[in-house]
Amino acid sequence: MDEIGRNAAIATRKRGVGQVHCPFCRHPDSRVVDSREAEDGAAIRRRRSCPECGRRFTTLETASLTVVKRSGATEPFSRTKVIDGVRKAFSGRPVDEDALARLGQAVEEAVRARGAAEIPAHEIGMAILEPLSSLDEVAYIRFASVYKNFASLDDFVIEVASMRTEQQADPGRIPAAEAL
């Protein structure tokens, strides 16, 4: 933990925020015995010990990611909502559920890598576009038409031309069906 993170943790403890109650005896404090990264660094697994009853338990700490909608309302990020939204673009198209799950994970990783606790919903839609384009071109065009606010047929023509240019520039590109 770096100096800033250590200072923030100390300040949090002083305010009484972040105390972990023992799940067995409800004692308001516990001692950290061991800490490890979990879920490829997206979470911290802590093994704790209760000074009151002596029992041990595990906590999993994750950073929350909040989505800011156009209306200004906020809600927690949901990988399931990302997958459900993409599934609509696949209407009538062959899609493997595992590929959709991998796409959802890739989007969440990309959004978390930005390092912001709050992210506009539009940016999540844009983060979906890159992995979606390598998964299925038709679904990509359907999804892009919403998130890029296509207003006319010319917008579709420009996007398809852009995709063709990218394919010609990268002849080693993985075919859509094998991408994810």
Protein backbone atom coordinates (compact mmCIF):
# COMPACT_ATOMS: atom_id res chain seq x y z
CA MET A 1 0.00 0.00 0.00
CA ASP A 2 1.46 3.39 -0.91
CA GLU A 3 1.77 6.34 1.51
CA ILE A 4 -1.48 8.02 0.35
CA GLY A 5 -3.45 4.79 0.67
CA ARG A 6 -1.99 4.11 4.12
CA ASN A 7 -2.91 7.63 5.32
CA ALA A 8 -6.45 7.27 3.94
CA ALA A 9 -6.85 3.92 5.71
CA ILE A 10 -5.67 5.43 9.03
CA ALA A 11 -8.03 8.40 8.65
CA THR A 12 -10.91 6.05 7.85
CA ARG A 13 -10.24 3.98 10.99
CA LYS A 14 -10.12 7.12 13.14
CA ARG A 15 -13.56 8.16 11.90
CA GLY A 16 -14.92 4.68 12.68
CA VAL A 17 -15.82 4.09 9.06
CA GLY A 18 -14.80 0.76 7.60
CA GLN A 19 -14.73 -1.15 10.88
CA VAL A 20 -15.46 -4.77 10.26
CA HIS A 21 -17.79 -6.37 12.77
CA CYS A 22 -17.16 -9.98 13.67
CA PRO A 23 -19.89 -12.07 11.99
CA PHE A 24 -19.96 -14.43 14.98
CA CYS A 25 -20.07 -12.16 18.07
CA ARG A 26 -20.66 -8.74 16.41
CA HIS A 27 -17.59 -7.24 18.12
CA PRO A 28 -17.02 -3.88 16.35
CA ASP A 29 -13.38 -4.48 15.46
CA SER A 30 -11.12 -7.15 14.01
CA ARG A 31 -7.45 -7.61 13.27
CA VAL A 32 -6.15 -8.29 9.76
CA VAL A 33 -4.08 -11.48 9.75
CA ASP A 34 -3.37 -11.75 6.00
CA SER A 35 -4.12 -9.75 2.83
CA ARG A 36 -3.95 -10.97 -0.76
CA GLU A 37 -5.04 -9.79 -4.17
CA ALA A 38 -8.04 -11.62 -5.59
CA GLU A 39 -9.88 -11.66 -8.91
CA ASP A 40 -6.77 -10.64 -10.86
CA GLY A 41 -6.13 -7.59 -8.70
CA ALA A 42 -9.70 -6.29 -8.80
CA ALA A 43 -10.27 -7.14 -5.14
CA ILE A 44 -8.42 -7.68 -1.87
CA ARG A 45 -9.05 -10.78 0.21
CA ARG A 46 -8.38 -10.23 3.90
CA ARG A 47 -8.21 -12.92 6.57
CA ARG A 48 -9.31 -11.40 9.88
CA SER A 49 -9.32 -12.42 13.53
CA CYS A 50 -11.75 -11.22 16.19
CA PRO A 51 -10.01 -10.11 19.43
CA GLU A 52 -13.20 -10.85 21.40
CA CYS A 53 -14.14 -14.41 20.42
CA GLY A 54 -10.90 -15.40 18.65
CA ARG A 55 -12.65 -16.75 15.56
CA ARG A 56 -11.35 -16.06 12.08
CA PHE A 57 -13.24 -14.94 8.99
CA THR A 58 -12.54 -13.66 5.49
CA THR A 59 -13.60 -10.41 3.84
CA LEU A 60 -13.43 -9.50 0.17
CA GLU A 61 -12.95 -5.81 -0.60
CA THR A 62 -13.68 -4.43 -4.04
CA ALA A 63 -13.68 -0.90 -5.38
CA SER A 64 -17.17 0.17 -6.32
CA LEU A 65 -17.73 1.53 -9.79
CA THR A 66 -20.65 3.90 -10.29
CA VAL A 67 -22.37 4.63 -13.59
CA VAL A 68 -23.66 8.17 -14.16
CA LYS A 69 -26.68 8.09 -16.45
CA ARG A 70 -27.72 10.91 -18.80
CA SER A 71 -30.36 12.03 -16.31
CA GLY A 72 -27.67 12.46 -13.65
CA ALA A 73 -28.87 9.46 -11.66
CA THR A 74 -26.23 7.00 -10.52
CA GLU A 75 -26.24 3.24 -10.11
CA PRO A 76 -23.62 0.56 -9.49
CA PHE A 77 -21.85 -0.87 -12.55
CA SER A 78 -23.36 -4.18 -13.63
CA ARG A 79 -21.61 -6.57 -15.98
CA THR A 80 -24.99 -8.29 -16.42
CA LYS A 81 -26.52 -5.06 -17.79
CA VAL A 82 -23.63 -4.76 -20.27
CA ILE A 83 -24.19 -8.33 -21.47
CA ASP A 84 -27.97 -7.86 -21.69
CA GLY A 85 -27.52 -4.68 -23.75
CA VAL A 86 -25.13 -6.38 -26.13
CA ARG A 87 -27.42 -9.40 -26.39
CA LYS A 88 -30.07 -7.11 -27.93
CA ALA A 89 -27.63 -6.21 -30.71
CA PHE A 90 -27.27 -9.96 -31.42
CA SER A 91 -30.99 -10.41 -32.07
CA GLY A 92 -31.24 -13.12 -34.72
CA ARG A 93 -27.44 -13.59 -34.80
CA PRO A 94 -25.52 -16.63 -33.61
CA VAL A 95 -23.81 -15.87 -30.30
CA ASP A 96 -22.07 -18.00 -27.74
CA GLU A 97 -22.91 -17.19 -24.10
CA ASP A 98 -19.25 -17.67 -23.14
CA ALA A 99 -18.22 -15.07 -25.71
CA LEU A 100 -20.75 -12.61 -24.24
CA ALA A 101 -19.38 -13.29 -20.74
CA ARG A 102 -15.82 -12.65 -21.96
CA LEU A 103 -16.97 -9.45 -23.64
CA GLY A 104 -18.61 -8.31 -20.39
CA GLN A 105 -15.42 -9.03 -18.49
CA ALA A 106 -13.29 -7.18 -21.06
CA VAL A 107 -15.56 -4.13 -20.83
CA GLU A 108 -15.46 -4.13 -17.03
CA GLU A 109 -11.66 -4.40 -17.05
CA ALA A 110 -11.37 -1.54 -19.56
CA VAL A 111 -13.69 0.68 -17.53
CA ARG A 112 -11.92 -0.09 -14.24
CA ALA A 113 -8.53 0.55 -15.88
CA ARG A 114 -9.56 4.18 -16.37
CA GLY A 115 -9.20 4.57 -12.63
CA ALA A 116 -12.33 6.66 -12.09
CA ALA A 117 -14.91 5.75 -9.45
CA GLU A 118 -17.71 7.28 -11.56
CA ILE A 119 -18.05 6.84 -15.28
CA PRO A 120 -20.69 8.19 -17.66
CA ALA A 121 -22.98 5.54 -19.17
CA HIS A 122 -22.03 6.75 -22.65
CA GLU A 123 -18.37 5.86 -22.02
CA ILE A 124 -19.38 2.33 -21.08
CA GLY A 125 -21.23 2.05 -24.38
CA MET A 126 -18.14 3.25 -26.20
CA ALA A 127 -15.97 0.74 -24.28
CA ILE A 128 -18.22 -2.04 -25.58
CA LEU A 129 -17.58 -1.15 -29.21
CA GLU A 130 -13.99 -2.41 -29.60
CA PRO A 131 -14.47 -5.97 -28.29
CA LEU A 132 -17.87 -6.14 -30.01
CA SER A 133 -16.40 -5.26 -33.41
CA SER A 134 -14.12 -8.29 -33.25
CA LEU A 135 -16.95 -10.54 -32.05
CA ASP A 136 -19.64 -9.80 -34.66
CA GLU A 137 -19.66 -7.00 -37.24
CA VAL A 138 -23.43 -6.88 -37.66
CA ALA A 139 -24.01 -6.66 -33.90
CA TYR A 140 -21.31 -3.99 -33.77
CA ILE A 141 -23.10 -1.84 -36.39
CA ARG A 142 -26.41 -2.25 -34.55
CA PHE A 143 -24.87 -1.27 -31.23
CA ALA A 144 -22.80 1.57 -32.71
CA SER A 145 -25.86 3.07 -34.36
CA VAL A 146 -27.29 3.69 -30.88
CA TYR A 147 -24.15 4.76 -29.01
CA LYS A 148 -22.75 6.92 -31.78
CA ASN A 149 -26.20 8.43 -32.43
CA PHE A 150 -26.43 7.61 -36.12
CA ALA A 151 -28.81 10.11 -37.66
CA SER A 152 -28.84 8.98 -41.30
CA LEU A 153 -27.89 6.25 -43.71
CA ASP A 154 -24.66 8.15 -44.38
CA ASP A 155 -23.57 7.47 -40.79
CA PHE A 156 -23.92 3.74 -41.45
CA VAL A 157 -21.99 4.00 -44.71
CA ILE A 158 -19.16 5.92 -43.00
CA GLU A 159 -18.93 3.36 -40.18
CA VAL A 160 -18.85 0.40 -42.58
CA ALA A 161 -16.15 2.14 -44.65
CA SER A 162 -14.15 2.72 -41.47
CA MET A 163 -14.45 -0.97 -40.56
CA ARG A 164 -13.28 -2.00 -44.03
CA THR A 165 -10.28 0.34 -43.78
CA GLU A 166 -9.33 -1.18 -40.42
CA GLN A 167 -9.62 -4.70 -41.85
CA GLN A 168 -7.36 -3.83 -44.79
CA ALA A 169 -4.83 -2.17 -42.48
CA ASP A 170 -4.74 -5.24 -40.22
CA PRO A 171 -4.79 -8.32 -42.48
CA GLY A 172 -3.88 -10.56 -39.52
CA ARG A 173 -7.09 -9.60 -37.74
CA ILE A 174 -8.82 -12.52 -36.08
CA PRO A 175 -12.11 -13.40 -37.81
CA ALA A 176 -15.14 -12.23 -35.86
CA ALA A 177 -16.30 -15.70 -34.88
CA GLU A 178 -12.92 -16.60 -33.33
CA ALA A 179 -12.12 -13.24 -31.69
CA LEU A 180 -13.45 -13.83 -28.20
